[in-house]
Protein backbone atom coordinates (compact mmCIF):
# COMPACT_ATOMS: atom_id res chain seq x y z
CA MET A 1 0.00 0.00 0.00
CA GLU A 2 1.23 3.48 -0.86
CA GLU A 3 2.38 5.87 1.81
CA ILE A 4 -0.19 8.40 3.04
CA GLN A 5 1.00 11.98 2.67
CA ASN A 6 -0.22 15.27 4.11
CA HIS A 7 -1.14 17.94 1.58
CA ASN A 8 -3.70 20.72 1.27
CA CYS A 9 -6.85 19.61 -0.50
CA PRO A 10 -6.79 20.82 -4.12
CA LEU A 11 -10.51 21.61 -3.87
CA CYS A 12 -10.86 23.52 -0.59
CA GLN A 13 -7.21 24.20 0.37
CA ARG A 14 -7.74 22.74 3.86
CA PRO A 15 -5.32 20.18 5.34
CA ALA A 16 -5.94 16.73 3.87
CA LYS A 17 -4.23 13.41 3.24
CA PHE A 18 -3.65 11.51 0.01
CA ARG A 19 -2.02 8.43 -1.36
CA PHE A 20 -1.08 7.75 -4.95
CA ALA A 21 -3.24 5.32 -6.93
CA ASP A 22 -3.39 3.96 -10.48
CA TYR A 23 0.39 3.66 -10.91
CA ASP A 24 0.91 7.19 -9.52
CA ASN A 25 -1.38 8.72 -12.17
CA ARG A 26 -4.02 9.67 -9.56
CA LYS A 27 -4.18 10.87 -6.00
CA HIS A 28 -6.80 9.47 -3.62
CA PHE A 29 -7.64 12.35 -1.27
CA ILE A 30 -9.32 12.20 2.12
CA CYS A 31 -10.46 15.62 3.32
CA ASP A 32 -12.60 16.45 6.34
CA HIS A 33 -14.52 19.01 4.27
CA CYS A 34 -14.67 17.51 0.77
CA THR A 35 -14.84 13.89 2.00
CA GLU A 36 -13.09 11.61 -0.49
CA PHE A 37 -12.18 11.84 -4.17
CA HIS A 38 -9.64 10.78 -6.78
CA ILE A 39 -7.94 13.34 -8.99
CA SER A 40 -5.52 12.69 -11.84
CA VAL A 41 -2.15 14.37 -11.50
CA ARG A 42 -2.77 16.27 -14.75
CA ALA A 43 -6.24 17.39 -13.62
CA GLU A 44 -4.79 18.63 -10.34
CA ARG A 45 -2.41 20.91 -12.29
CA VAL A 46 -5.29 22.28 -14.41
CA LEU A 47 -7.41 22.80 -11.31
CA ALA A 48 -4.61 24.72 -9.56
CA ASP A 49 -4.69 27.29 -12.38
CA SER A 50 -8.48 27.40 -12.68
CA ILE A 51 -11.06 29.77 -11.31
CA PRO A 52 -12.09 29.13 -7.67
CA ASP A 53 -15.65 28.29 -8.76
CA TRP A 54 -14.44 25.06 -10.36
CA ARG A 55 -12.81 23.94 -7.13
CA SER A 56 -15.90 24.70 -5.04
CA GLN A 57 -18.16 22.92 -7.57
CA PHE A 58 -16.04 19.77 -7.45
CA SER A 59 -15.92 19.98 -3.65
CA GLU A 60 -19.72 20.11 -3.52
CA LYS A 61 -20.00 17.23 -5.97
CA ALA A 62 -17.56 15.08 -3.95
CA ARG A 63 -19.72 15.56 -0.85
CA GLN A 64 -22.75 14.26 -2.80
CA ALA A 65 -21.21 10.83 -3.43
CA LYS A 66 -23.11 7.83 -2.13
CA ASP A 67 -21.34 5.46 0.26
CA ASP A 68 -20.32 3.09 -2.53
CA GLN A 69 -19.10 5.86 -4.87
CA VAL A 70 -16.08 8.15 -5.16
CA LEU A 71 -15.80 11.22 -7.37
CA VAL A 72 -13.01 10.93 -9.96
CA ILE A 73 -11.77 14.23 -11.42
CA SER A 74 -9.82 13.96 -14.67
CA LEU A 75 -9.21 15.47 -18.07
CA PRO A 76 -11.64 14.38 -20.79
CA SER A 77 -10.41 11.35 -22.72
CA ALA A 78 -12.59 11.81 -25.81
CA PRO A 79 -10.80 13.30 -28.81
CA LYS A 80 -11.50 16.96 -29.47
CA GLN A 81 -13.94 17.54 -32.31
CA PRO A 82 -13.61 20.69 -34.40
CA GLY A 83 -16.15 23.34 -33.46
CA VAL A 84 -17.27 21.53 -30.29
CA ALA A 85 -16.37 22.85 -26.86
CA ASN A 86 -14.97 20.22 -24.53
CA PRO A 87 -14.94 20.64 -20.77
CA ALA A 88 -11.50 21.31 -19.31
CA LEU A 89 -12.15 18.80 -16.49
CA ILE A 90 -14.75 16.15 -15.82
CA GLY A 91 -15.96 14.74 -12.53
CA GLU A 92 -17.66 11.36 -12.59
CA PHE A 93 -18.80 9.08 -9.81
CA VAL A 94 -17.17 5.66 -9.89
CA LEU A 95 -18.11 2.68 -7.78
CA ARG A 96 -15.60 2.29 -4.98
CA LYS A 97 -15.01 -1.35 -5.92
CA ASP A 98 -13.99 -0.29 -9.47
CA LEU A 99 -11.33 2.23 -8.46
CA PRO A 100 -7.77 1.38 -9.40
CA ASN A 101 -5.36 0.81 -6.54
């Protein structure tokens, strides 16, 4: 099991803990305010440079997860289509049992 590290939550900036998951491509955060979520390393960098509204929206969404779900924040994986706006980040609920370690 990966080492648990202390770090400010990327959503609310409060003290939190995380461990790497998915071959170090994601961080699994535990935060007293935002509860629990996964965020890809690339999405965390985008979020750090984003408007505060995005962070608060993802924080709210993480708190809405059911007991068997965890919010996963990542960059969209679908190829960009000309003339179609793609979201910069997506947040989807994933069943806890289906999360990568």
